[in-house]
């Protein structure tokens, strides 16, 4: 598996049109078997694309959220739901958060985690995100 991050532009029943974070090229990506009919992908979300498949497949998704409270626990509000939710910071992904920061959030099978800060619609540390999430995705897809 070889992953690249991409921002979603539009989706249909089988996949999405996405813009790769690195290089800014736009491609069509199909839903992987674990995403198809299980995870709703929407425009402006961040996804991981497996570029080793033909066509490329969407294998992971992050939600956009905004930091509304910062304490030992970080509380964010999901832009799509509008419900406050506690999420954790990942020690391997050190981030300095401020109130109103937009962040990329996902569940890795445990609780929801903040994986990066959004800047100009993209992750600020895409390589660090991929290093962290790659073994998690690979383990899930092996099962």
C-alpha atoms as a PDB file:
ATOM      1  CA  UNK A   1       0.000   0.000   0.000  1.00  0.00           C
ATOM      2  CA  UNK A   2       1.217   3.489  -0.860  1.00  0.00           C
ATOM      3  CA  UNK A   3      -0.771   6.352   0.628  1.00  0.00           C
ATOM      4  CA  UNK A   4      -1.228   9.969  -0.355  1.00  0.00           C
ATOM      5  CA  UNK A   5      -3.473  12.532   1.292  1.00  0.00           C
ATOM      6  CA  UNK A   6      -6.153  14.312  -0.725  1.00  0.00           C
ATOM      7  CA  UNK A   7      -8.971  16.815  -0.259  1.00  0.00           C
ATOM      8  CA  UNK A   8     -12.389  15.687  -1.529  1.00  0.00           C
ATOM      9  CA  UNK A   9     -14.168  17.845  -4.130  1.00  0.00           C
ATOM     10  CA  UNK A  10     -17.189  15.767  -5.140  1.00  0.00           C
ATOM     11  CA  UNK A  11     -18.461  12.228  -4.597  1.00  0.00           C
ATOM     12  CA  UNK A  12     -20.831   9.735  -6.150  1.00  0.00           C
ATOM     13  CA  UNK A  13     -21.868   6.170  -5.239  1.00  0.00           C
ATOM     14  CA  UNK A  14     -18.538   4.591  -6.191  1.00  0.00           C
ATOM     15  CA  UNK A  15     -15.899   7.206  -5.382  1.00  0.00           C
ATOM     16  CA  UNK A  16     -14.772  10.810  -5.321  1.00  0.00           C
ATOM     17  CA  UNK A  17     -12.892  13.427  -7.279  1.00  0.00           C
ATOM     18  CA  UNK A  18      -9.993  14.517  -5.067  1.00  0.00           C
ATOM     19  CA  UNK A  19      -7.035  16.898  -5.162  1.00  0.00           C
ATOM     20  CA  UNK A  20      -3.785  15.415  -3.869  1.00  0.00           C
ATOM     21  CA  UNK A  21      -2.208  17.462  -1.067  1.00  0.00           C
ATOM     22  CA  UNK A  22       1.276  16.977  -2.528  1.00  0.00           C
ATOM     23  CA  UNK A  23       1.437  18.233  -6.089  1.00  0.00           C
ATOM     24  CA  UNK A  24      -2.175  19.467  -6.250  1.00  0.00           C
ATOM     25  CA  UNK A  25      -3.169  17.119  -9.103  1.00  0.00           C
ATOM     26  CA  UNK A  26      -6.832  16.128  -9.314  1.00  0.00           C
ATOM     27  CA  UNK A  27      -7.751  12.445  -9.699  1.00  0.00           C
ATOM     28  CA  UNK A  28     -10.718  10.093  -9.477  1.00  0.00           C
ATOM     29  CA  UNK A  29     -10.522   7.606  -6.594  1.00  0.00           C
ATOM     30  CA  UNK A  30     -12.857   4.695  -5.923  1.00  0.00           C
ATOM     31  CA  UNK A  31     -14.055   3.667  -2.462  1.00  0.00           C
ATOM     32  CA  UNK A  32     -12.166   0.715  -0.986  1.00  0.00           C
ATOM     33  CA  UNK A  33     -14.155  -2.295   0.195  1.00  0.00           C
ATOM     34  CA  UNK A  34     -14.008  -1.057   3.811  1.00  0.00           C
ATOM     35  CA  UNK A  35     -15.282   2.413   2.842  1.00  0.00           C
ATOM     36  CA  UNK A  36     -17.958   1.514   0.254  1.00  0.00           C
ATOM     37  CA  UNK A  37     -21.460   1.782   1.784  1.00  0.00           C
ATOM     38  CA  UNK A  38     -19.968   2.129   5.302  1.00  0.00           C
ATOM     39  CA  UNK A  39     -18.363   5.576   5.568  1.00  0.00           C
ATOM     40  CA  UNK A  40     -19.919   8.711   4.140  1.00  0.00           C
ATOM     41  CA  UNK A  41     -17.298  10.806   2.384  1.00  0.00           C
ATOM     42  CA  UNK A  42     -18.144  14.461   1.703  1.00  0.00           C
ATOM     43  CA  UNK A  43     -16.518  17.442  -0.014  1.00  0.00           C
ATOM     44  CA  UNK A  44     -13.800  19.261   1.963  1.00  0.00           C
ATOM     45  CA  UNK A  45     -12.901  16.164   3.968  1.00  0.00           C
ATOM     46  CA  UNK A  46      -9.375  14.765   3.980  1.00  0.00           C
ATOM     47  CA  UNK A  47      -8.843  11.217   2.739  1.00  0.00           C
ATOM     48  CA  UNK A  48      -5.974   8.785   2.375  1.00  0.00           C
ATOM     49  CA  UNK A  49      -5.692   7.344  -1.123  1.00  0.00           C
ATOM     50  CA  UNK A  50      -3.951   4.058  -1.890  1.00  0.00           C
ATOM     51  CA  UNK A  51      -2.116   4.873  -5.116  1.00  0.00           C
ATOM     52  CA  UNK A  52      -0.868   1.285  -5.555  1.00  0.00           C
ATOM     53  CA  UNK A  53      -4.334   0.211  -6.710  1.00  0.00           C
ATOM     54  CA  UNK A  54      -5.739   0.846 -10.176  1.00  0.00           C
ATOM     55  CA  UNK A  55      -7.837   2.888  -9.963  1.00  0.00           C
ATOM     56  CA  UNK A  56      -6.620   4.557  -6.755  1.00  0.00           C
ATOM     57  CA  UNK A  57      -8.796   3.789  -3.718  1.00  0.00           C
ATOM     58  CA  UNK A  58      -9.991   5.872  -0.779  1.00  0.00           C
ATOM     59  CA  UNK A  59      -8.992   3.927   2.337  1.00  0.00           C
ATOM     60  CA  UNK A  60      -9.360   6.464   5.185  1.00  0.00           C
ATOM     61  CA  UNK A  61     -11.179   9.683   6.060  1.00  0.00           C
ATOM     62  CA  UNK A  62     -10.707  12.634   8.444  1.00  0.00           C
ATOM     63  CA  UNK A  63     -13.434  15.044   9.524  1.00  0.00           C
ATOM     64  CA  UNK A  64     -13.016  18.798   9.806  1.00  0.00           C
ATOM     65  CA  UNK A  65     -13.642  20.202  13.269  1.00  0.00           C
ATOM     66  CA  UNK A  66     -12.978  23.382  15.232  1.00  0.00           C
ATOM     67  CA  UNK A  67     -11.424  23.649  18.689  1.00  0.00           C
ATOM     68  CA  UNK A  68     -13.991  25.255  21.012  1.00  0.00           C
ATOM     69  CA  UNK A  69     -12.328  24.529  24.348  1.00  0.00           C
ATOM     70  CA  UNK A  70      -8.794  23.624  25.267  1.00  0.00           C
ATOM     71  CA  UNK A  71      -7.888  22.084  28.591  1.00  0.00           C
ATOM     72  CA  UNK A  72      -6.284  18.770  29.556  1.00  0.00           C
ATOM     73  CA  UNK A  73      -8.990  17.363  27.303  1.00  0.00           C
ATOM     74  CA  UNK A  74      -9.535  19.039  23.970  1.00  0.00           C
ATOM     75  CA  UNK A  75     -13.141  19.600  22.989  1.00  0.00           C
ATOM     76  CA  UNK A  76     -14.017  20.153  19.354  1.00  0.00           C
ATOM     77  CA  UNK A  77     -17.196  20.664  17.433  1.00  0.00           C
ATOM     78  CA  UNK A  78     -17.726  18.635  14.274  1.00  0.00           C
ATOM     79  CA  UNK A  79     -18.654  21.071  11.493  1.00  0.00           C
ATOM     80  CA  UNK A  80     -21.143  18.612  10.017  1.00  0.00           C
ATOM     81  CA  UNK A  81     -22.933  17.621  13.220  1.00  0.00           C
ATOM     82  CA  UNK A  82     -22.535  20.685  15.427  1.00  0.00           C
ATOM     83  CA  UNK A  83     -22.248  18.535  18.571  1.00  0.00           C
ATOM     84  CA  UNK A  84     -19.373  19.074  21.026  1.00  0.00           C
ATOM     85  CA  UNK A  85     -17.192  16.004  21.381  1.00  0.00           C
ATOM     86  CA  UNK A  86     -14.104  15.233  23.447  1.00  0.00           C
ATOM     87  CA  UNK A  87     -11.155  14.098  21.397  1.00  0.00           C
ATOM     88  CA  UNK A  88      -7.613  13.245  22.348  1.00  0.00           C
ATOM     89  CA  UNK A  89      -4.289  14.617  21.265  1.00  0.00           C
ATOM     90  CA  UNK A  90      -1.846  12.028  19.961  1.00  0.00           C
ATOM     91  CA  UNK A  91       1.526  12.202  21.765  1.00  0.00           C
ATOM     92  CA  UNK A  92       3.265  11.167  18.520  1.00  0.00           C
ATOM     93  CA  UNK A  93       1.706  14.181  16.763  1.00  0.00           C
ATOM     94  CA  UNK A  94       2.604  17.177  18.942  1.00  0.00           C
ATOM     95  CA  UNK A  95       0.385  20.140  18.120  1.00  0.00           C
ATOM     96  CA  UNK A  96      -0.016  23.563  19.674  1.00  0.00           C
ATOM     97  CA  UNK A  97      -3.741  24.247  19.549  1.00  0.00           C
ATOM     98  CA  UNK A  98      -5.666  27.479  19.997  1.00  0.00           C
ATOM     99  CA  UNK A  99      -9.384  28.129  20.330  1.00  0.00           C
ATOM    100  CA  UNK A 100     -11.024  28.293  16.872  1.00  0.00           C
ATOM    101  CA  UNK A 101      -8.249  26.296  15.177  1.00  0.00           C
ATOM    102  CA  UNK A 102      -9.630  24.015  12.494  1.00  0.00           C
ATOM    103  CA  UNK A 103      -8.323  20.474  12.858  1.00  0.00           C
ATOM    104  CA  UNK A 104      -8.413  17.081  11.144  1.00  0.00           C
ATOM    105  CA  UNK A 105     -10.057  14.467  13.375  1.00  0.00           C
ATOM    106  CA  UNK A 106     -10.608  10.735  12.937  1.00  0.00           C
ATOM    107  CA  UNK A 107     -11.220   7.570  14.886  1.00  0.00           C
ATOM    108  CA  UNK A 108      -8.486   4.953  14.834  1.00  0.00           C
ATOM    109  CA  UNK A 109     -10.635   2.327  16.489  1.00  0.00           C
ATOM    110  CA  UNK A 110     -10.312   3.906  19.893  1.00  0.00           C
ATOM    111  CA  UNK A 111     -11.519   7.416  20.593  1.00  0.00           C
ATOM    112  CA  UNK A 112     -11.494  10.272  18.144  1.00  0.00           C
ATOM    113  CA  UNK A 113      -8.079  11.874  17.783  1.00  0.00           C
ATOM    114  CA  UNK A 114      -6.790  15.179  16.435  1.00  0.00           C
ATOM    115  CA  UNK A 115      -4.205  14.434  13.761  1.00  0.00           C
ATOM    116  CA  UNK A 116      -3.326  17.904  12.464  1.00  0.00           C
ATOM    117  CA  UNK A 117      -4.245  21.563  12.153  1.00  0.00           C
ATOM    118  CA  UNK A 118      -5.878  22.768   8.933  1.00  0.00           C
ATOM    119  CA  UNK A 119      -4.139  25.640   7.136  1.00  0.00           C
ATOM    120  CA  UNK A 120      -5.505  26.890   3.804  1.00  0.00           C
ATOM    121  CA  UNK A 121      -7.742  23.816   3.634  1.00  0.00           C
ATOM    122  CA  UNK A 122      -4.852  21.341   3.968  1.00  0.00           C
ATOM    123  CA  UNK A 123      -2.997  19.573   6.783  1.00  0.00           C
ATOM    124  CA  UNK A 124       0.003  21.500   8.101  1.00  0.00           C
ATOM    125  CA  UNK A 125       2.062  18.312   8.658  1.00  0.00           C
ATOM    126  CA  UNK A 126       0.959  15.826   5.951  1.00  0.00           C
ATOM    127  CA  UNK A 127       4.089  13.655   6.118  1.00  0.00           C
ATOM    128  CA  UNK A 128       3.843  13.319   9.897  1.00  0.00           C
ATOM    129  CA  UNK A 129       0.155  12.364   9.573  1.00  0.00           C
ATOM    130  CA  UNK A 130       0.967   9.681   7.008  1.00  0.00           C
ATOM    131  CA  UNK A 131       3.785   8.247   9.132  1.00  0.00           C
ATOM    132  CA  UNK A 132       1.387   7.949  12.060  1.00  0.00           C
ATOM    133  CA  UNK A 133      -1.663   6.590  10.221  1.00  0.00           C
ATOM    134  CA  UNK A 134      -0.008   4.207   7.719  1.00  0.00           C
ATOM    135  CA  UNK A 135       0.586   1.284  10.128  1.00  0.00           C
ATOM    136  CA  UNK A 136      -2.928   1.726  11.555  1.00  0.00           C
ATOM    137  CA  UNK A 137      -4.536   1.569   8.094  1.00  0.00           C
ATOM    138  CA  UNK A 138      -2.381  -1.375   7.032  1.00  0.00           C
ATOM    139  CA  UNK A 139      -3.350  -3.337  10.169  1.00  0.00           C
ATOM    140  CA  UNK A 140      -7.068  -2.655   9.648  1.00  0.00           C
ATOM    141  CA  UNK A 141      -6.905  -3.741   6.011  1.00  0.00           C
ATOM    142  CA  UNK A 142      -4.956  -6.920   6.922  1.00  0.00           C
ATOM    143  CA  UNK A 143      -7.847  -7.989   9.172  1.00  0.00           C
END
